[in-house]
C-alpha cells in the first residue's frame, strides 16, 4: 500500500502541475497572437518548465523494478504503464523544444523582435512551427493531466478497499 500511496502522490503532482504548465504555454502563445493581430512584431511565445525537464517518476520506477507492480490489477497496471510511457515521451519532446528555445529564441531576444521575422515581415516558419509544437505539448499536458486524475481516483478506490 505504501507503493500505491507513492504512485498516488506522483499522479497528484502530474494532475496539478500539468494544468499549470499547459496554461503557461498557452498564455505565451496567446500573448504573441494578440501582438500579431495588432500588427506588432513580437518575440514568439515560449514557456520553459521550472526545474527539471522531466517529471519525477521514482514511485512508478520503484514498483516496476521491485516487482510490486505484479500485485496491481492487470488492466490498471497496463493503464499505468501506458500513462507513464506517454508522460515520459511527451517530456522527451519538451526537451527538444527546450533545446530549440535555448539555441534559437533566447539568443535572438537580445536582438529584438525583428530577429524573428523575415524580409517579408512575416514570422520565420521555424518559429511558427515552434509555437505549434508548444501548443501540441500543452494539449498533451492537459490530456495526461486528466488521465492522471482518472488513474489516481482508481488507485485511491483500490487503497480504500485494503
Protein backbone atom coordinates (compact mmCIF):
# COMPACT_ATOMS: atom_id res chain seq x y z
CA UNK A 1 0.00 0.00 0.00
CA UNK A 2 2.95 2.34 0.56
CA UNK A 3 3.95 1.83 -3.07
CA UNK A 4 0.42 2.68 -4.21
CA UNK A 5 0.46 5.77 -1.99
CA UNK A 6 3.68 6.87 -3.74
CA UNK A 7 2.05 6.47 -7.15
CA UNK A 8 -0.99 8.43 -5.95
CA UNK A 9 1.30 11.29 -4.85
CA UNK A 10 3.07 11.29 -8.23
CA UNK A 11 -0.26 11.35 -10.03
CA UNK A 12 -1.48 14.25 -7.85
CA UNK A 13 1.68 16.12 -8.80
CA UNK A 14 1.08 15.49 -12.53
CA UNK A 15 -2.58 16.40 -12.25
CA UNK A 16 -1.85 19.77 -10.64
CA UNK A 17 1.32 20.76 -12.44
CA UNK A 18 0.15 19.69 -15.90
CA UNK A 19 -2.71 22.20 -15.88
CA UNK A 20 -0.48 25.00 -14.56
CA UNK A 21 2.23 24.35 -17.14
CA UNK A 22 -0.24 23.93 -20.01
CA UNK A 23 -1.69 27.33 -19.07
CA UNK A 24 1.82 28.82 -19.12
CA UNK A 25 2.49 27.55 -22.63
CA UNK A 26 -0.90 28.70 -23.90
CA UNK A 27 -0.54 32.11 -22.29
CA UNK A 28 2.80 32.64 -24.05
CA UNK A 29 1.24 31.77 -27.40
CA UNK A 30 -1.78 33.97 -26.71
CA UNK A 31 0.43 36.99 -25.92
CA UNK A 32 2.24 36.58 -29.23
CA UNK A 33 -1.04 36.08 -31.12
CA UNK A 34 -2.52 39.26 -29.62
CA UNK A 35 0.53 41.27 -30.63
CA UNK A 36 0.47 39.73 -34.12
CA UNK A 37 -3.23 40.55 -34.57
CA UNK A 38 -2.46 44.13 -33.52
CA UNK A 39 0.14 44.30 -36.30
CA UNK A 40 3.09 44.31 -33.92
CA UNK A 41 6.23 42.29 -34.23
CA UNK A 42 6.82 40.33 -31.07
CA UNK A 43 9.08 37.63 -29.73
CA UNK A 44 7.40 34.27 -30.44
CA UNK A 45 5.62 32.85 -27.44
CA UNK A 46 7.67 30.44 -25.40
CA UNK A 47 7.50 28.98 -21.92
CA UNK A 48 10.03 26.91 -20.04
CA UNK A 49 9.23 24.45 -17.30
CA UNK A 50 10.79 25.41 -13.99
CA UNK A 51 13.23 22.84 -12.64
CA UNK A 52 13.93 19.53 -14.31
CA UNK A 53 12.69 18.99 -17.87
CA UNK A 54 11.27 15.57 -16.96
CA UNK A 55 8.66 14.86 -14.29
CA UNK A 56 9.50 12.69 -11.30
CA UNK A 57 8.63 9.04 -11.73
CA UNK A 58 10.52 7.46 -8.85
CA UNK A 59 7.42 5.82 -7.32
CA UNK A 60 6.49 4.16 -10.61
CA UNK A 61 10.07 3.09 -11.31
CA UNK A 62 10.34 1.64 -7.80
CA UNK A 63 7.25 -0.56 -8.05
CA UNK A 64 8.29 -1.77 -11.50
CA UNK A 65 11.90 -2.58 -10.56
CA UNK A 66 10.89 -4.19 -7.25
CA UNK A 67 8.23 -6.38 -8.89
CA UNK A 68 5.48 -4.95 -6.68
CA UNK A 69 3.68 -3.90 -9.86
CA UNK A 70 2.69 -7.56 -10.37
CA UNK A 71 0.35 -7.17 -7.39
CA UNK A 72 -1.66 -4.48 -9.20
CA UNK A 73 -4.73 -5.49 -11.23
CA UNK A 74 -3.51 -6.29 -14.78
CA UNK A 75 -5.69 -3.69 -16.52
CA UNK A 76 -4.71 -0.98 -14.05
CA UNK A 77 -1.05 -2.00 -14.44
CA UNK A 78 -1.34 -1.67 -18.24
CA UNK A 79 -3.07 1.70 -17.92
CA UNK A 80 -0.43 2.99 -15.50
CA UNK A 81 2.38 1.72 -17.74
CA UNK A 82 0.84 3.41 -20.76
CA UNK A 83 0.39 6.65 -18.82
CA UNK A 84 3.98 6.74 -17.59
CA UNK A 85 5.32 5.85 -21.03
CA UNK A 86 3.30 8.68 -22.58
CA UNK A 87 4.29 11.16 -19.91
CA UNK A 88 7.99 10.40 -20.32
CA UNK A 89 7.57 10.51 -24.10
CA UNK A 90 6.00 13.95 -24.25
CA UNK A 91 8.74 15.28 -21.97
CA UNK A 92 11.33 13.98 -24.41
CA UNK A 93 9.53 16.14 -26.98
CA UNK A 94 9.66 19.02 -24.50
CA UNK A 95 13.41 18.51 -24.15
CA UNK A 96 13.85 19.03 -27.92
CA UNK A 97 11.52 22.06 -27.76
CA UNK A 98 13.57 23.50 -24.90
CA UNK A 99 16.85 22.96 -26.73
CA UNK A 100 15.45 24.93 -29.68
CA UNK A 101 14.29 27.66 -27.29
CA UNK A 102 17.76 27.93 -25.77
CA UNK A 103 19.54 27.76 -29.14
CA UNK A 104 17.28 29.91 -31.34
CA UNK A 105 14.91 32.04 -29.28
CA UNK A 106 16.76 33.18 -26.18
CA UNK A 107 19.82 34.49 -28.06
CA UNK A 108 17.63 36.41 -30.54
CA UNK A 109 15.69 38.12 -27.78
CA UNK A 110 18.76 40.29 -27.23
CA UNK A 111 18.47 41.44 -30.87
CA UNK A 112 14.81 42.38 -30.50
CA UNK A 113 11.59 41.14 -32.11
CA UNK A 114 12.76 41.88 -35.66
CA UNK A 115 15.24 38.98 -35.36
CA UNK A 116 12.30 36.56 -35.59
CA UNK A 117 10.88 37.94 -38.84
CA UNK A 118 11.90 37.58 -42.47
CA UNK A 119 12.43 40.34 -45.01
CA UNK A 120 8.75 39.96 -45.96
CA UNK A 121 7.76 40.99 -42.43
CA UNK A 122 6.35 37.56 -41.58
CA UNK A 123 7.34 35.39 -38.67
CA UNK A 124 10.00 32.94 -39.82
CA UNK A 125 8.50 29.46 -40.35
CA UNK A 126 10.75 27.77 -37.78
CA UNK A 127 9.24 29.94 -35.05
CA UNK A 128 5.68 29.27 -36.21
CA UNK A 129 6.44 25.54 -36.08
CA UNK A 130 7.99 26.01 -32.65
CA UNK A 131 4.79 27.56 -31.33
CA UNK A 132 2.72 24.82 -32.98
CA UNK A 133 4.80 22.22 -31.14
CA UNK A 134 4.40 24.23 -27.95
CA UNK A 135 0.63 24.19 -28.38
CA UNK A 136 0.72 20.44 -29.03
CA UNK A 137 2.76 19.90 -25.86
CA UNK A 138 0.26 21.97 -23.85
CA UNK A 139 -2.60 19.83 -25.22
CA UNK A 140 -0.68 16.67 -24.31
CA UNK A 141 -0.13 18.00 -20.80
CA UNK A 142 -3.86 18.64 -20.43
CA UNK A 143 -4.74 15.18 -21.79
CA UNK A 144 -2.30 13.43 -19.48
CA UNK A 145 -3.30 15.62 -16.54
CA UNK A 146 -6.83 14.30 -16.95
CA UNK A 147 -5.52 10.75 -17.30
CA UNK A 148 -3.51 11.17 -14.09
CA UNK A 149 -6.69 12.25 -12.32
CA UNK A 150 -8.56 9.16 -13.52
CA UNK A 151 -5.71 6.84 -12.54
CA UNK A 152 -5.37 8.48 -9.15
CA UNK A 153 -9.08 8.01 -8.44
CA UNK A 154 -8.83 4.35 -9.42
CA UNK A 155 -5.82 3.83 -7.15
CA UNK A 156 -7.49 5.65 -4.26
CA UNK A 157 -10.51 3.39 -4.62
CA UNK A 158 -8.19 0.39 -4.61
CA UNK A 159 -6.39 1.56 -1.47
CA UNK A 160 -9.70 2.28 0.26
CA UNK A 161 -10.70 -1.37 -0.10
CA UNK A 162 -7.48 -2.64 1.51
